[in-house]
Amino acid sequence: MTVSRLIPVPIPDQVAAMIGSCMPLGVLQAEVDAVCAAREVRRFRGPLCAEDQADREYALSALARANKVLAAYNPGLVLRPGTGVR
C-alpha cells in the first residue's frame, strides 16, 4: 500500500526533537523562517494595495533567504509560496 504525498503525517514531538538535534542551528532557524514567510505570503490574495504588495514582497524575500540556506543543506527542504506548509 502506498501513501499519498498530499496527506500530512504527524510526527511525534520527540521524533521531531531528535531530527532537529542532528541539524545545524542555522538550518533549523531557516526552516522556521521559511515556514513563517510562506504562511505570510499566502495571507495576501486578490488585488493588493501598495502597502500589502510591499509586505508580500518582503515575505517573498524572507522566504528566498531561508530557502537559500535550506537548499545548501538539503534541496528537499525548500518551500514554495504556493505549496502547503509542512
N, C-alpha and C. Protein backbone atom coordinates (compact mmCIF):
# COMPACT_ATOMS: atom_id res chain seq x y z
N MET A 1 0.83 -1.16 0.00
CA MET A 1 0.00 0.00 0.00
C MET A 1 0.89 1.24 0.00
N THR A 2 0.57 2.19 -0.84
CA THR A 2 1.38 3.40 -0.91
C THR A 2 0.65 4.55 -0.20
N VAL A 3 1.42 5.49 0.27
CA VAL A 3 0.87 6.64 0.96
C VAL A 3 0.96 7.85 0.04
N SER A 4 -0.11 8.58 -0.07
CA SER A 4 -0.12 9.77 -0.90
C SER A 4 0.76 10.84 -0.28
N ARG A 5 1.47 11.60 -1.11
CA ARG A 5 2.31 12.68 -0.59
C ARG A 5 1.47 13.88 -0.20
N LEU A 6 0.18 13.88 -0.51
CA LEU A 6 -0.68 15.00 -0.21
C LEU A 6 -1.25 14.94 1.20
N ILE A 7 -1.17 13.79 1.84
CA ILE A 7 -1.72 13.62 3.18
C ILE A 7 -0.60 13.82 4.19
N PRO A 8 -0.69 14.88 5.02
CA PRO A 8 0.37 15.08 6.00
C PRO A 8 0.30 14.03 7.11
N VAL A 9 1.44 13.54 7.48
CA VAL A 9 1.52 12.55 8.55
C VAL A 9 2.17 13.24 9.75
N PRO A 10 1.49 13.28 10.89
CA PRO A 10 2.07 13.96 12.05
C PRO A 10 3.30 13.24 12.57
N ILE A 11 4.26 14.03 13.02
CA ILE A 11 5.48 13.48 13.60
C ILE A 11 5.42 13.76 15.10
N PRO A 12 5.63 12.75 15.92
CA PRO A 12 5.64 12.99 17.37
C PRO A 12 6.72 14.00 17.76
N ASP A 13 6.48 14.74 18.82
CA ASP A 13 7.40 15.79 19.25
C ASP A 13 8.80 15.25 19.55
N GLN A 14 8.88 14.08 20.14
CA GLN A 14 10.19 13.52 20.47
C GLN A 14 10.98 13.17 19.20
N VAL A 15 10.29 12.69 18.19
CA VAL A 15 10.96 12.37 16.92
C VAL A 15 11.42 13.66 16.24
N ALA A 16 10.58 14.69 16.25
CA ALA A 16 10.96 15.97 15.67
C ALA A 16 12.16 16.57 16.41
N ALA A 17 12.19 16.44 17.72
CA ALA A 17 13.33 16.94 18.50
C ALA A 17 14.60 16.17 18.18
N MET A 18 14.49 14.87 17.98
CA MET A 18 15.66 14.06 17.64
C MET A 18 16.19 14.43 16.26
N ILE A 19 15.28 14.65 15.30
CA ILE A 19 15.70 15.07 13.96
C ILE A 19 16.35 16.44 14.04
N GLY A 20 15.74 17.35 14.79
CA GLY A 20 16.27 18.70 14.92
C GLY A 20 17.63 18.74 15.58
N SER A 21 17.89 17.82 16.50
CA SER A 21 19.18 17.82 17.19
C SER A 21 20.32 17.42 16.26
N CYS A 22 20.01 16.81 15.13
CA CYS A 22 21.03 16.39 14.18
C CYS A 22 21.32 17.46 13.12
N MET A 23 20.55 18.53 13.14
CA MET A 23 20.71 19.58 12.14
C MET A 23 21.41 20.79 12.77
N PRO A 24 22.19 21.52 11.97
CA PRO A 24 22.81 22.75 12.49
C PRO A 24 21.74 23.77 12.87
N LEU A 25 22.07 24.60 13.84
CA LEU A 25 21.13 25.58 14.36
C LEU A 25 20.69 26.57 13.28
N GLY A 26 21.59 26.96 12.40
CA GLY A 26 21.24 27.89 11.32
C GLY A 26 20.21 27.32 10.36
N VAL A 27 20.29 26.02 10.12
CA VAL A 27 19.33 25.36 9.23
C VAL A 27 17.96 25.28 9.91
N LEU A 28 17.94 24.99 11.21
CA LEU A 28 16.67 24.95 11.94
C LEU A 28 16.01 26.32 11.93
N GLN A 29 16.80 27.38 12.13
CA GLN A 29 16.24 28.73 12.11
C GLN A 29 15.72 29.08 10.72
N ALA A 30 16.44 28.66 9.69
CA ALA A 30 16.00 28.91 8.32
C ALA A 30 14.69 28.18 8.02
N GLU A 31 14.53 26.99 8.57
CA GLU A 31 13.29 26.25 8.36
C GLU A 31 12.11 26.97 9.02
N VAL A 32 12.31 27.47 10.22
CA VAL A 32 11.26 28.22 10.90
C VAL A 32 10.94 29.49 10.12
N ASP A 33 11.97 30.19 9.66
CA ASP A 33 11.77 31.41 8.89
C ASP A 33 11.02 31.14 7.59
N ALA A 34 11.35 30.03 6.93
CA ALA A 34 10.69 29.69 5.66
C ALA A 34 9.22 29.37 5.89
N VAL A 35 8.90 28.64 6.93
CA VAL A 35 7.50 28.31 7.22
C VAL A 35 6.71 29.58 7.52
N CYS A 36 7.28 30.47 8.33
CA CYS A 36 6.59 31.72 8.66
C CYS A 36 6.41 32.59 7.42
N ALA A 37 7.44 32.68 6.58
CA ALA A 37 7.36 33.51 5.38
C ALA A 37 6.35 32.93 4.38
N ALA A 38 6.33 31.62 4.23
CA ALA A 38 5.38 31.01 3.29
C ALA A 38 3.95 31.23 3.77
N ARG A 39 3.74 31.15 5.07
CA ARG A 39 2.41 31.41 5.63
C ARG A 39 2.02 32.87 5.41
N GLU A 40 2.98 33.78 5.56
CA GLU A 40 2.72 35.21 5.36
C GLU A 40 2.40 35.52 3.89
N VAL A 41 3.09 34.87 2.97
CA VAL A 41 2.85 35.10 1.54
C VAL A 41 1.44 34.66 1.17
N ARG A 42 0.99 33.53 1.70
CA ARG A 42 -0.35 33.03 1.37
C ARG A 42 -1.45 33.91 1.95
N ARG A 43 -1.11 34.74 2.94
CA ARG A 43 -2.09 35.61 3.56
C ARG A 43 -2.55 36.71 2.60
N PHE A 44 -1.70 37.09 1.66
CA PHE A 44 -2.02 38.16 0.72
C PHE A 44 -2.59 37.56 -0.56
N ARG A 45 -3.85 37.82 -0.82
CA ARG A 45 -4.52 37.32 -2.04
C ARG A 45 -5.35 38.42 -2.64
N GLY A 46 -5.64 38.26 -3.91
CA GLY A 46 -6.51 39.22 -4.59
C GLY A 46 -5.81 40.53 -4.87
N PRO A 47 -6.57 41.53 -5.25
CA PRO A 47 -5.97 42.84 -5.52
C PRO A 47 -5.36 43.42 -4.24
N LEU A 48 -4.12 43.87 -4.35
CA LEU A 48 -3.41 44.36 -3.18
C LEU A 48 -3.15 45.85 -3.30
N CYS A 49 -3.25 46.54 -2.18
CA CYS A 49 -2.86 47.94 -2.15
C CYS A 49 -1.33 48.00 -2.11
N ALA A 50 -0.78 49.17 -2.23
CA ALA A 50 0.68 49.32 -2.29
C ALA A 50 1.36 48.80 -1.02
N GLU A 51 0.75 49.04 0.13
CA GLU A 51 1.35 48.59 1.38
C GLU A 51 1.33 47.06 1.49
N ASP A 52 0.22 46.44 1.11
CA ASP A 52 0.14 44.98 1.13
C ASP A 52 1.10 44.36 0.12
N GLN A 53 1.24 44.99 -1.04
CA GLN A 53 2.19 44.49 -2.05
C GLN A 53 3.61 44.53 -1.50
N ALA A 54 3.96 45.60 -0.80
CA ALA A 54 5.29 45.72 -0.22
C ALA A 54 5.50 44.65 0.86
N ASP A 55 4.48 44.41 1.67
CA ASP A 55 4.59 43.37 2.70
C ASP A 55 4.74 41.99 2.08
N ARG A 56 4.01 41.74 0.99
CA ARG A 56 4.12 40.45 0.30
C ARG A 56 5.52 40.26 -0.29
N GLU A 57 6.05 41.32 -0.89
CA GLU A 57 7.40 41.25 -1.46
C GLU A 57 8.45 41.01 -0.37
N TYR A 58 8.25 41.63 0.79
CA TYR A 58 9.17 41.41 1.90
C TYR A 58 9.12 39.96 2.36
N ALA A 59 7.92 39.40 2.45
CA ALA A 59 7.77 38.00 2.85
C ALA A 59 8.39 37.07 1.81
N LEU A 60 8.24 37.40 0.53
CA LEU A 60 8.87 36.59 -0.52
C LEU A 60 10.39 36.64 -0.43
N SER A 61 10.94 37.80 -0.10
CA SER A 61 12.40 37.89 0.03
C SER A 61 12.88 37.12 1.26
N ALA A 62 12.12 37.15 2.35
CA ALA A 62 12.48 36.36 3.53
C ALA A 62 12.43 34.87 3.21
N LEU A 63 11.44 34.46 2.44
CA LEU A 63 11.33 33.06 2.03
C LEU A 63 12.52 32.67 1.14
N ALA A 64 12.91 33.56 0.25
CA ALA A 64 14.05 33.27 -0.63
C ALA A 64 15.35 33.13 0.18
N ARG A 65 15.54 34.01 1.16
CA ARG A 65 16.75 33.92 2.00
C ARG A 65 16.78 32.61 2.77
N ALA A 66 15.65 32.23 3.35
CA ALA A 66 15.58 30.98 4.11
C ALA A 66 15.78 29.78 3.19
N ASN A 67 15.19 29.82 2.01
CA ASN A 67 15.33 28.71 1.07
C ASN A 67 16.76 28.54 0.59
N LYS A 68 17.50 29.64 0.52
CA LYS A 68 18.90 29.55 0.09
C LYS A 68 19.70 28.72 1.10
N VAL A 69 19.45 28.95 2.38
CA VAL A 69 20.14 28.19 3.42
C VAL A 69 19.67 26.73 3.40
N LEU A 70 18.36 26.53 3.26
CA LEU A 70 17.82 25.16 3.25
C LEU A 70 18.31 24.37 2.05
N ALA A 71 18.38 25.01 0.89
CA ALA A 71 18.83 24.31 -0.32
C ALA A 71 20.30 23.92 -0.22
N ALA A 72 21.10 24.73 0.44
CA ALA A 72 22.51 24.39 0.62
C ALA A 72 22.66 23.17 1.52
N TYR A 73 21.76 23.02 2.49
CA TYR A 73 21.82 21.88 3.40
C TYR A 73 21.18 20.64 2.79
N ASN A 74 19.95 20.80 2.26
CA ASN A 74 19.23 19.69 1.65
C ASN A 74 18.17 20.28 0.71
N PRO A 75 18.29 20.09 -0.60
CA PRO A 75 17.32 20.67 -1.54
C PRO A 75 15.88 20.22 -1.31
N GLY A 76 15.67 19.13 -0.64
CA GLY A 76 14.33 18.65 -0.36
C GLY A 76 13.59 19.46 0.69
N LEU A 77 14.28 20.34 1.39
CA LEU A 77 13.66 21.15 2.44
C LEU A 77 13.09 22.47 1.92
N VAL A 78 13.34 22.80 0.67
CA VAL A 78 12.93 24.10 0.11
C VAL A 78 11.41 24.19 0.06
N LEU A 79 10.87 25.34 0.47
CA LEU A 79 9.43 25.61 0.43
C LEU A 79 9.12 26.58 -0.69
N ARG A 80 7.98 26.38 -1.32
CA ARG A 80 7.48 27.33 -2.32
C ARG A 80 6.29 28.06 -1.72
N PRO A 81 6.07 29.31 -2.14
CA PRO A 81 4.98 30.08 -1.53
C PRO A 81 3.60 29.49 -1.79
N GLY A 82 3.39 28.78 -2.88
CA GLY A 82 2.06 28.27 -3.19
C GLY A 82 1.75 26.90 -2.62
N THR A 83 2.75 26.25 -2.02
CA THR A 83 2.53 24.89 -1.51
C THR A 83 2.13 24.93 -0.05
N GLY A 84 1.60 23.83 0.41
CA GLY A 84 1.22 23.74 1.81
C GLY A 84 2.42 23.71 2.71
N VAL A 85 2.27 24.26 3.86
CA VAL A 85 3.35 24.30 4.84
C VAL A 85 3.38 22.97 5.57
N ARG A 86 4.59 22.43 5.70
CA ARG A 86 4.72 21.14 6.39
C ARG A 86 4.47 21.28 7.83
